[in-house]
Amino acid sequence: MSASQTGAEVRLIGIGKRYGKVTAVKPLDLTIEGGTLVTLLGPSGCGKTTLLRMIAGLEQPTEGRLLIGDEDMTLLSAGERNVSMVFQSYALFPHMSVLDNVAYGLVSSGLRRRDAQEKAEAALETVGLKGFGARLPSELSGGQQQRVAVARALVLQPRVLLFDEPLSNLDARLRRSMREEIRALQQRLGLTVVYVTHDQSEALAVSDRIVVMRNAEIAQAGTPEELYAQPESVFVATFMGEANHLRGTIERVENGMASVALDALRFALPARGLPPGPVDVVARPEAIRLAAEGAEGMAGRITRATYMGSHAEYVVSTPLGELFVIAPRQRTLLPKGSAVAVMLDVEGVVIVRP
C-alpha cells in the first residue's frame, strides 16, 4: 500500500431517497473534500446509513446526482464505482484464511492468485496484521477482525472508503484504540473516508468534518470544534455531547452582542442574528462553576453528587431548573443537599435557535 494514494472528492447534488411515500433522505447538497474524513452522525432513522449506501451504490437515489471526482456515478452499480465499504458485521468468510479474505475481491476481479495474495499481504501489513494471513477469522479478536475488514477494503485501492458503524461490536477500550488507528490510516494514505456513527465521542475523535442529520436532512455540518462550541440548534447542541438547555431573555442587542438574562445571571453573548426577547441558551456542564453558599451567582442546591475518579458530576437544583455539572476532581465531594452558588463561564454558553 503506497502513501501516495489520494482520495477523490465526493459531491452530492440534490440527492434524495424515497421508499414509496416514506422519505428516507430529503434532497440535499453535500461536498466531501478529497483526502478528508467526514462523519455522518445522527440518531437511528435519520437517513445517515441510506446516504452512505447511495454513495456505495447499494441504493439508487430517487432524485439528484452523485459525483466522485469529476465522474457522474449516479446510475453506476456498486462494482463500477471503485468504492469500498466496511460493514458493521465485518462480513468475513469464516471458512477462508485471513489472507484469502483480503485477496478475495482482487481474485474475483480477475487478478492472478499469487499477485492478489502479494497485495493482500501488503494490506495486512498496513493495518498491523503482518504474519496473520494463515489464520481463520474465528482465531482473531474482534479488533483484529475489524482490521481484516479494513485491509480487504484497502487492497482494492478505492477512491472512497466507507464505514458503517464499524466499531459498534467492540468494547469501549478497543473502540477507542480502533478509531485512532482508522484516523491514523486515513491520514497516512490520504484517503477520502465517509464514516457513519451515532456515537458523538467517536465522531469528535476521528472527523475533519461532521454532518449531523435529523429527520432525513442535514441539521448542521462543520468541524468538530464548530459543532461543539457553536451549535445552531438545541438538537445539535444536545446531540454533540452533554448540554443544559435553558430559557433566557435577550434584553438588548448592540454591535452583534446580546445582553442575556438567566435568572440572576447576566451575560454578553454573540447574538447570532437573534432579536431581543425569549431565547434558548445552551450551557455545557463543564462551563458551570459551583462555589460556597453566599458567593456571587445564582442560588442552587445539590440534589445528586457522583464521584467519577477524574472528575465529579453533580445535579443542581436552581431557579432555571436542574443543571448537570461536571467539576474538576476535588479532594472532597460536595455532599447531596449542599447549598451552593452557581456561575457560568461565558466560553461554554451559547445562544441557539429552538
Protein backbone atom coordinates (compact mmCIF):
# COMPACT_ATOMS: atom_id res chain seq x y z
CA MET A 1 0.00 0.00 0.00
CA SER A 2 1.54 3.29 -1.00
CA ALA A 3 1.26 6.54 0.92
CA SER A 4 0.73 8.38 -2.35
CA GLN A 5 -2.85 7.17 -2.65
CA THR A 6 -5.15 10.19 -2.74
CA GLY A 7 -8.87 10.07 -2.20
CA ALA A 8 -11.38 11.63 -4.56
CA GLU A 9 -13.87 14.40 -3.87
CA VAL A 10 -17.49 13.28 -3.44
CA ARG A 11 -20.31 15.63 -4.41
CA LEU A 12 -23.97 15.03 -3.70
CA ILE A 13 -26.20 17.39 -5.68
CA GLY A 14 -29.88 17.49 -4.70
CA ILE A 15 -29.69 13.81 -3.82
CA GLY A 16 -32.68 12.20 -2.13
CA LYS A 17 -34.27 8.82 -1.49
CA ARG A 18 -37.89 7.78 -1.08
CA TYR A 19 -39.42 4.37 -0.45
CA GLY A 20 -42.97 4.83 -1.69
CA LYS A 21 -44.44 7.57 0.47
CA VAL A 22 -41.62 7.35 3.05
CA THR A 23 -38.79 9.87 2.62
CA ALA A 24 -35.51 8.33 3.81
CA VAL A 25 -33.33 11.27 2.70
CA LYS A 26 -34.73 14.66 1.73
CA PRO A 27 -32.96 16.24 -1.28
CA LEU A 28 -29.65 17.66 -0.04
CA ASP A 29 -26.31 19.03 -1.23
CA LEU A 30 -23.04 17.91 0.33
CA THR A 31 -19.40 18.11 -0.77
CA ILE A 32 -16.80 15.81 0.81
CA GLU A 33 -13.32 17.04 0.01
CA GLY A 34 -10.74 14.55 -1.24
CA GLY A 35 -8.46 13.15 1.45
CA THR A 36 -10.73 14.08 4.37
CA LEU A 37 -12.72 12.04 6.86
CA VAL A 38 -16.34 13.14 7.09
CA THR A 39 -18.71 11.59 9.61
CA LEU A 40 -22.46 11.28 9.16
CA LEU A 41 -23.81 11.49 12.71
CA GLY A 42 -27.34 11.21 13.98
CA PRO A 43 -29.95 9.10 15.77
CA SER A 44 -31.43 5.92 14.34
CA GLY A 45 -33.67 6.53 11.35
CA CYS A 46 -32.23 9.95 10.47
CA GLY A 47 -31.08 8.86 6.99
CA LYS A 48 -27.31 8.60 7.53
CA THR A 49 -26.97 4.92 6.53
CA THR A 50 -29.22 5.39 3.47
CA LEU A 51 -26.98 8.28 2.39
CA LEU A 52 -23.88 6.10 2.84
CA ARG A 53 -25.45 3.28 0.84
CA MET A 54 -26.27 5.69 -2.01
CA ILE A 55 -22.60 6.70 -2.14
CA ALA A 56 -21.67 3.00 -2.18
CA GLY A 57 -24.09 2.22 -5.00
CA LEU A 58 -26.09 -0.18 -2.83
CA GLU A 59 -29.12 2.12 -3.07
CA GLN A 60 -30.21 4.13 -6.11
CA PRO A 61 -31.23 7.74 -5.38
CA THR A 62 -34.78 8.75 -6.26
CA GLU A 63 -33.51 12.15 -7.35
CA GLY A 64 -30.29 14.15 -7.67
CA ARG A 65 -26.77 13.30 -8.78
CA LEU A 66 -23.64 11.77 -7.24
CA LEU A 67 -20.16 12.69 -8.49
CA ILE A 68 -16.90 11.04 -7.44
CA GLY A 69 -14.03 13.13 -8.73
CA ASP A 70 -15.44 14.59 -11.92
CA GLU A 71 -17.35 11.44 -12.89
CA ASP A 72 -21.11 11.12 -12.58
CA MET A 73 -21.70 7.87 -10.69
CA THR A 74 -25.45 8.26 -10.16
CA LEU A 75 -26.52 5.36 -12.39
CA LEU A 76 -23.44 3.15 -12.00
CA SER A 77 -23.54 -0.07 -9.96
CA ALA A 78 -21.53 -0.57 -6.78
CA GLY A 79 -18.91 -2.57 -8.68
CA GLU A 80 -18.32 0.25 -11.16
CA ARG A 81 -17.60 2.98 -8.62
CA ASN A 82 -14.22 1.96 -7.12
CA VAL A 83 -15.67 2.50 -3.65
CA SER A 84 -15.10 0.08 -0.75
CA MET A 85 -17.30 -0.38 2.32
CA VAL A 86 -16.51 -1.75 5.77
CA PHE A 87 -19.69 -3.15 7.29
CA GLN A 88 -20.74 -3.24 10.94
CA SER A 89 -20.68 -7.06 10.90
CA TYR A 90 -17.24 -7.19 9.12
CA ALA A 91 -18.77 -9.87 6.76
CA LEU A 92 -15.64 -12.06 6.71
CA PHE A 93 -15.83 -15.53 5.15
CA PRO A 94 -15.42 -17.91 8.13
CA HIS A 95 -14.04 -20.83 6.05
CA MET A 96 -11.34 -18.72 4.35
CA SER A 97 -7.96 -17.76 5.78
CA VAL A 98 -7.36 -14.11 6.64
CA LEU A 99 -5.13 -13.78 3.56
CA ASP A 100 -7.78 -15.26 1.25
CA ASN A 101 -10.44 -13.00 2.78
CA VAL A 102 -8.35 -9.93 1.97
CA ALA A 103 -7.42 -11.18 -1.51
CA TYR A 104 -10.97 -12.24 -2.40
CA GLY A 105 -12.03 -9.04 -4.15
CA LEU A 106 -8.88 -8.97 -6.29
CA VAL A 107 -9.21 -12.62 -7.29
CA SER A 108 -12.88 -12.10 -8.12
CA SER A 109 -11.95 -9.23 -10.42
CA GLY A 110 -9.58 -11.49 -12.38
CA LEU A 111 -6.16 -10.81 -10.81
CA ARG A 112 -3.83 -13.81 -10.63
CA ARG A 113 -3.99 -15.50 -7.24
CA ARG A 114 -0.28 -15.02 -6.50
CA ASP A 115 -0.42 -11.31 -7.34
CA ALA A 116 -3.61 -10.90 -5.31
CA GLN A 117 -2.01 -12.54 -2.28
CA GLU A 118 1.05 -10.27 -2.53
CA LYS A 119 -1.21 -7.24 -2.47
CA ALA A 120 -3.21 -8.78 0.41
CA GLU A 121 -0.01 -9.31 2.43
CA ALA A 122 0.87 -5.63 1.94
CA ALA A 123 -2.63 -4.57 3.00
CA LEU A 124 -2.41 -6.71 6.16
CA GLU A 125 0.94 -5.12 6.99
CA THR A 126 -0.65 -1.68 6.52
CA VAL A 127 -3.23 -2.47 9.23
CA GLY A 128 -0.69 -4.07 11.58
CA LEU A 129 -1.51 -7.72 10.89
CA LYS A 130 1.67 -8.92 9.19
CA GLY A 131 2.03 -12.68 9.73
CA PHE A 132 -1.69 -13.26 10.44
CA GLY A 133 -2.58 -14.36 6.91
CA ALA A 134 -2.81 -18.11 7.62
CA ARG A 135 -5.30 -17.76 10.49
CA LEU A 136 -9.05 -18.14 10.28
CA PRO A 137 -11.31 -15.22 11.29
CA SER A 138 -12.52 -17.26 14.31
CA GLU A 139 -8.95 -17.26 15.65
CA LEU A 140 -8.85 -13.46 15.81
CA SER A 141 -10.13 -10.96 18.36
CA GLY A 142 -12.89 -8.52 17.45
CA GLY A 143 -10.38 -5.74 16.87
CA GLN A 144 -8.26 -7.95 14.63
CA GLN A 145 -11.32 -8.97 12.59
CA GLN A 146 -12.11 -5.29 12.18
CA ARG A 147 -8.60 -4.70 10.81
CA VAL A 148 -9.01 -7.58 8.35
CA ALA A 149 -12.22 -5.97 7.08
CA VAL A 150 -10.35 -2.67 6.65
CA ALA A 151 -7.47 -4.42 4.83
CA ARG A 152 -9.93 -6.14 2.49
CA ALA A 153 -11.39 -2.73 1.63
CA LEU A 154 -7.99 -1.03 1.26
CA VAL A 155 -6.50 -3.69 -1.01
CA LEU A 156 -8.87 -2.61 -3.79
CA GLN A 157 -7.31 0.89 -3.63
CA PRO A 158 -10.70 2.60 -3.52
CA ARG A 159 -11.19 6.25 -4.37
CA VAL A 160 -13.59 6.44 -1.40
CA LEU A 161 -13.67 4.25 1.72
CA LEU A 162 -16.98 3.93 3.59
CA PHE A 163 -17.54 2.79 7.18
CA ASP A 164 -20.98 1.82 8.52
CA GLU A 165 -20.96 1.85 12.35
CA PRO A 166 -17.61 -0.01 12.24
CA LEU A 167 -16.87 -0.08 15.98
CA SER A 168 -20.28 -0.88 17.46
CA ASN A 169 -19.38 -4.54 18.13
CA LEU A 170 -16.25 -3.70 20.14
CA ASP A 171 -15.84 -2.93 23.85
CA ALA A 172 -15.18 0.66 24.94
CA ARG A 173 -11.39 0.44 25.25
CA LEU A 174 -10.99 -1.33 21.92
CA ARG A 175 -13.30 1.19 20.25
CA ARG A 176 -11.01 4.00 21.35
CA SER A 177 -7.84 2.35 20.00
CA MET A 178 -9.50 1.28 16.74
CA ARG A 179 -10.88 4.73 15.98
CA GLU A 180 -7.36 6.13 16.49
CA GLU A 181 -5.98 3.51 14.09
CA ILE A 182 -8.61 4.27 11.45
CA ARG A 183 -7.89 8.00 11.72
CA ALA A 184 -4.11 7.49 11.50
CA LEU A 185 -4.50 5.19 8.48
CA GLN A 186 -6.81 7.65 6.70
CA GLN A 187 -4.34 10.49 7.21
CA ARG A 188 -1.30 8.44 6.24
CA LEU A 189 -2.83 7.20 2.98
CA GLY A 190 -4.70 10.40 2.12
CA LEU A 191 -8.00 8.51 1.81
CA THR A 192 -11.43 10.03 1.39
CA VAL A 193 -13.49 8.41 4.14
CA VAL A 194 -17.21 8.69 4.85
CA TYR A 195 -17.94 7.31 8.29
CA VAL A 196 -21.37 6.62 9.79
CA THR A 197 -21.91 6.52 13.56
CA HIS A 198 -24.41 7.52 16.23
CA ASP A 199 -21.59 7.89 18.80
CA GLN A 200 -20.74 11.56 19.38
CA SER A 201 -17.34 10.93 21.00
CA GLU A 202 -16.34 8.71 18.08
CA ALA A 203 -17.34 11.42 15.61
CA LEU A 204 -15.44 14.11 17.53
CA ALA A 205 -12.31 11.93 17.69
CA VAL A 206 -11.94 10.94 14.02
CA SER A 207 -13.52 13.65 11.86
CA ASP A 208 -12.31 16.55 9.77
CA ARG A 209 -15.98 17.49 9.38
CA ILE A 210 -19.19 16.19 10.94
CA VAL A 211 -22.59 16.20 9.24
CA VAL A 212 -25.32 16.00 11.88
CA MET A 213 -28.53 14.55 10.44
CA ARG A 214 -32.06 14.70 11.78
CA ASN A 215 -35.37 13.71 10.21
CA ALA A 216 -33.79 12.75 6.84
CA GLU A 217 -31.96 16.07 6.36
CA ILE A 218 -28.81 17.87 7.44
CA ALA A 219 -29.26 19.74 10.72
CA GLN A 220 -25.74 21.24 10.66
CA ALA A 221 -22.33 20.50 9.14
CA GLY A 222 -18.95 21.76 10.29
CA THR A 223 -15.73 20.91 12.08
CA PRO A 224 -15.96 19.13 15.45
CA GLU A 225 -14.98 22.38 17.16
CA GLU A 226 -17.67 24.39 15.35
CA LEU A 227 -20.44 21.93 16.15
CA TYR A 228 -19.49 21.63 19.82
CA ALA A 229 -18.84 25.31 20.51
CA GLN A 230 -21.28 26.94 18.05
CA PRO A 231 -24.31 24.66 17.59
CA GLU A 232 -27.11 26.22 15.56
CA SER A 233 -29.97 24.46 17.34
CA VAL A 234 -30.89 22.81 20.63
CA PHE A 235 -30.91 19.45 18.82
CA VAL A 236 -27.32 19.79 17.57
CA ALA A 237 -26.12 21.12 20.91
CA THR A 238 -27.61 18.25 22.90
CA PHE A 239 -26.60 15.63 20.32
CA MET A 240 -22.96 16.80 20.28
CA GLY A 241 -22.42 15.98 23.94
CA GLU A 242 -23.91 16.78 27.31
CA ALA A 243 -25.67 20.15 27.39
CA ASN A 244 -28.04 22.05 29.66
CA HIS A 245 -30.95 23.61 27.76
CA LEU A 246 -32.01 26.84 29.47
CA ARG A 247 -34.58 29.52 28.72
CA GLY A 248 -33.37 33.10 29.00
CA THR A 249 -34.13 36.57 27.72
CA ILE A 250 -32.20 38.79 25.34
CA GLU A 251 -32.63 42.22 26.91
CA ARG A 252 -30.91 44.18 24.12
CA VAL A 253 -28.57 43.74 21.16
CA GLU A 254 -25.69 46.10 20.35
CA ASN A 255 -22.94 45.63 17.76
CA GLY A 256 -23.80 41.96 17.34
CA MET A 257 -23.64 41.21 21.08
CA ALA A 258 -26.69 40.26 23.11
CA SER A 259 -27.22 41.10 26.78
CA VAL A 260 -28.74 37.88 28.09
CA ALA A 261 -30.52 37.40 31.41
CA LEU A 262 -30.64 33.95 33.02
CA ASP A 263 -32.44 34.48 36.31
CA ALA A 264 -29.93 36.46 38.44
CA LEU A 265 -27.10 35.99 35.93
CA ARG A 266 -26.24 38.43 33.13
CA PHE A 267 -24.05 37.68 30.09
CA ALA A 268 -22.82 39.33 26.91
CA LEU A 269 -23.01 36.67 24.18
CA PRO A 270 -22.81 36.77 20.38
CA ALA A 271 -26.39 37.49 19.25
CA ARG A 272 -26.16 35.19 16.20
CA GLY A 273 -28.81 37.26 14.42
CA LEU A 274 -31.48 36.83 17.12
CA PRO A 275 -33.60 39.79 18.30
CA PRO A 276 -34.48 40.83 21.87
CA GLY A 277 -36.98 38.54 23.61
CA PRO A 278 -37.15 34.97 24.94
CA VAL A 279 -34.23 32.81 23.81
CA ASP A 280 -32.89 29.27 24.11
CA VAL A 281 -29.47 29.03 25.74
CA VAL A 282 -27.17 26.01 25.91
CA ALA A 283 -24.62 25.65 28.70
CA ARG A 284 -22.04 22.86 28.66
CA PRO A 285 -21.75 21.05 32.01
CA GLU A 286 -18.04 21.87 32.29
CA ALA A 287 -18.86 25.60 31.93
CA ILE A 288 -20.81 25.64 35.22
CA ARG A 289 -18.87 26.51 38.35
CA LEU A 290 -20.02 25.88 41.90
CA ALA A 291 -19.00 27.99 44.88
CA ALA A 292 -19.93 28.12 48.54
CA GLU A 293 -23.36 29.44 49.51
CA GLY A 294 -23.38 33.24 49.64
CA ALA A 295 -20.80 33.73 46.90
CA GLU A 296 -21.66 35.70 43.79
CA GLY A 297 -24.02 33.85 41.45
CA MET A 298 -27.37 32.09 41.36
CA ALA A 299 -28.56 30.11 44.37
CA GLY A 300 -28.66 26.34 43.97
CA ARG A 301 -28.78 23.08 45.90
CA ILE A 302 -27.05 19.81 45.04
CA THR A 303 -29.59 17.02 44.52
CA ARG A 304 -27.13 14.39 43.27
CA ALA A 305 -23.36 14.02 43.64
CA THR A 306 -21.31 11.34 41.88
CA TYR A 307 -17.59 10.63 42.20
CA MET A 308 -16.15 9.72 38.76
CA GLY A 309 -12.44 9.43 39.56
CA SER A 310 -11.07 12.07 37.21
CA HIS A 311 -13.96 14.45 37.95
CA ALA A 312 -17.19 14.87 39.87
CA GLU A 313 -20.70 15.06 38.43
CA TYR A 314 -23.49 16.99 40.13
CA VAL A 315 -27.14 17.68 39.52
CA VAL A 316 -28.00 21.09 40.97
CA SER A 317 -31.50 22.44 41.52
CA THR A 318 -31.72 26.14 40.53
CA PRO A 319 -34.39 28.71 39.57
CA LEU A 320 -33.64 27.77 35.94
CA GLY A 321 -34.34 24.09 36.60
CA GLU A 322 -31.96 21.20 37.23
CA LEU A 323 -28.43 21.69 35.87
CA PHE A 324 -25.97 18.89 35.11
CA VAL A 325 -22.48 19.95 36.19
CA ILE A 326 -19.06 18.40 35.54
CA ALA A 327 -16.47 19.68 38.04
CA PRO A 328 -12.72 19.02 38.14
CA ARG A 329 -11.66 16.47 40.74
CA GLN A 330 -11.74 17.86 44.25
CA ARG A 331 -10.36 16.34 47.43
CA THR A 332 -13.85 16.06 48.86
CA LEU A 333 -17.11 15.58 47.03
CA LEU A 334 -19.71 18.24 47.79
CA PRO A 335 -22.47 16.28 49.58
CA LYS A 336 -26.05 15.97 48.42
CA GLY A 337 -28.17 18.74 49.92
CA SER A 338 -25.36 21.32 49.95
CA ALA A 339 -26.40 24.90 49.20
CA VAL A 340 -24.16 26.43 46.53
CA ALA A 341 -23.72 29.50 44.34
CA VAL A 342 -23.80 28.79 40.61
CA MET A 343 -21.84 30.72 37.98
CA LEU A 344 -21.42 30.08 34.25
CA ASP A 345 -18.27 30.59 32.16
CA VAL A 346 -19.23 32.53 29.04
CA GLU A 347 -16.94 30.32 26.93
CA GLY A 348 -19.23 27.33 27.36
CA VAL A 349 -22.55 29.17 26.92
CA VAL A 350 -24.20 29.87 23.57
CA ILE A 351 -27.49 31.21 22.22
CA VAL A 352 -29.24 28.78 19.87
CA ARG A 353 -32.37 28.58 17.79
CA PRO A 354 -35.06 26.23 19.15
